[in-house]
Amino acid sequence: MVSAEMPQWSEDLARWPEPGQSYRDPVGGVVVVVLTPPRWPGVLRCGGVAMMPARPLPCSYHSRNSLGKALRPGQRYRDSASGLEVRCVRGGNGRLTYVGQPLTAV
């Protein structure tokens, strides 16, 4: 589903990611869960595409093998400037950024 088809979501709308909230990349399918909220609102992106709030994955979900993927399930990523920390629950390709700053693996 494209963001234009979702009237409640706008790429231009900066949000305060909250702990426990899942975000999904609508193009590549990467899913992350927020562990630590940022100090300021912004847009979380993967590969330059704005991630959108998503429903949490069920406990029975098993991620496919992520060998060769840039983002691996279970890995934590952090933006030291804002304090945002997320855990990847569904891997894929791309680079996570928050307010234009890349998140680094912890």
Protein backbone atom coordinates (compact mmCIF):
# COMPACT_ATOMS: atom_id res chain seq x y z
CA MET A 1 0.00 0.00 0.00
CA VAL A 2 1.42 3.40 -0.97
CA SER A 3 1.41 6.27 1.52
CA ALA A 4 -0.88 8.27 -0.82
CA GLU A 5 -3.54 5.58 -0.31
CA MET A 6 -3.36 6.01 3.45
CA PRO A 7 -4.95 9.37 4.35
CA GLN A 8 -3.87 9.16 8.01
CA TRP A 9 -0.16 8.98 7.06
CA SER A 10 1.87 11.82 5.63
CA GLU A 11 5.61 11.71 4.93
CA ASP A 12 5.79 15.37 5.91
CA LEU A 13 4.34 14.68 9.36
CA ALA A 14 7.10 14.37 11.94
CA ARG A 15 6.19 11.94 14.72
CA TRP A 16 7.45 11.01 18.17
CA PRO A 17 8.23 7.30 17.85
CA GLU A 18 7.05 5.65 21.08
CA PRO A 19 8.55 2.61 22.83
CA GLY A 20 6.90 -0.58 21.62
CA GLN A 21 5.63 1.01 18.39
CA SER A 22 6.39 -0.96 15.22
CA TYR A 23 7.33 0.75 11.97
CA ARG A 24 7.34 -0.85 8.52
CA ASP A 25 9.07 0.04 5.28
CA PRO A 26 6.24 -0.03 2.69
CA VAL A 27 8.65 -0.90 -0.13
CA GLY A 28 11.14 -3.44 1.24
CA GLY A 29 9.16 -4.84 4.16
CA VAL A 30 11.72 -4.05 6.89
CA VAL A 31 10.03 -3.88 10.31
CA VAL A 32 11.53 -2.29 13.43
CA VAL A 33 10.28 -1.82 17.00
CA VAL A 34 11.14 1.34 18.94
CA LEU A 35 13.09 0.57 22.14
CA THR A 36 14.06 4.11 23.22
CA PRO A 37 12.17 7.21 22.05
CA PRO A 38 14.03 10.13 20.46
CA ARG A 39 14.50 13.52 22.06
CA TRP A 40 12.66 15.24 19.19
CA PRO A 41 10.07 14.32 16.55
CA GLY A 42 11.14 13.28 13.09
CA VAL A 43 10.64 10.82 10.25
CA LEU A 44 12.16 7.34 10.45
CA ARG A 45 13.24 6.15 6.99
CA CYS A 46 14.61 2.99 5.44
CA GLY A 47 16.43 3.37 2.15
CA GLY A 48 15.11 6.93 1.86
CA VAL A 49 11.44 5.84 2.15
CA ALA A 50 9.41 7.00 5.16
CA MET A 51 8.51 4.10 7.43
CA MET A 52 4.92 3.96 8.63
CA PRO A 53 3.41 2.77 11.89
CA ALA A 54 2.56 -0.92 11.67
CA ARG A 55 0.85 -3.57 13.73
CA PRO A 56 3.21 -5.66 15.83
CA LEU A 57 4.23 -9.00 14.33
CA PRO A 58 2.62 -12.06 15.95
CA CYS A 59 4.74 -14.09 18.37
CA SER A 60 4.58 -17.02 15.93
CA TYR A 61 6.23 -14.99 13.14
CA HIS A 62 9.55 -16.39 11.91
CA SER A 63 11.68 -14.12 9.75
CA ARG A 64 13.24 -15.53 6.60
CA ASN A 65 16.98 -16.06 6.49
CA SER A 66 18.59 -12.62 6.29
CA LEU A 67 22.05 -13.62 5.09
CA GLY A 68 23.37 -10.94 2.77
CA LYS A 69 20.79 -8.41 3.94
CA ALA A 70 21.90 -5.05 5.30
CA LEU A 71 19.40 -5.09 8.19
CA ARG A 72 19.23 -8.30 10.25
CA PRO A 73 16.46 -9.40 12.62
CA GLY A 74 17.44 -9.02 16.26
CA GLN A 75 20.02 -6.30 15.59
CA ARG A 76 19.65 -3.00 17.46
CA TYR A 77 20.21 0.33 15.69
CA ARG A 78 20.72 3.72 17.36
CA ASP A 79 20.93 7.39 16.51
CA SER A 80 23.30 8.83 19.11
CA ALA A 81 22.21 12.43 18.50
CA SER A 82 18.47 11.95 19.11
CA GLY A 83 18.74 8.88 21.35
CA LEU A 84 16.36 6.84 19.16
CA GLU A 85 17.01 3.11 19.42
CA VAL A 86 15.15 0.42 17.47
CA ARG A 87 15.37 -3.36 17.09
CA CYS A 88 14.98 -4.92 13.67
CA VAL A 89 12.32 -7.66 13.72
CA ARG A 90 12.09 -8.26 9.98
CA GLY A 91 15.28 -7.81 8.00
CA GLY A 92 15.90 -6.50 4.53
CA ASN A 93 17.98 -4.08 2.54
CA GLY A 94 18.32 -0.37 3.03
CA ARG A 95 19.74 2.04 5.55
CA LEU A 96 17.82 3.31 8.56
CA THR A 97 17.87 7.07 9.11
CA TYR A 98 16.11 9.43 11.51
CA VAL A 99 15.88 13.11 10.62
CA GLY A 100 18.46 12.44 7.90
CA GLN A 101 21.03 10.92 10.30
CA PRO A 102 22.00 7.26 9.78
CA LEU A 103 21.33 4.81 12.61
CA THR A 104 24.30 2.65 13.54
CA ALA A 105 24.32 -0.98 14.68
CA VAL A 106 24.76 -1.38 18.43
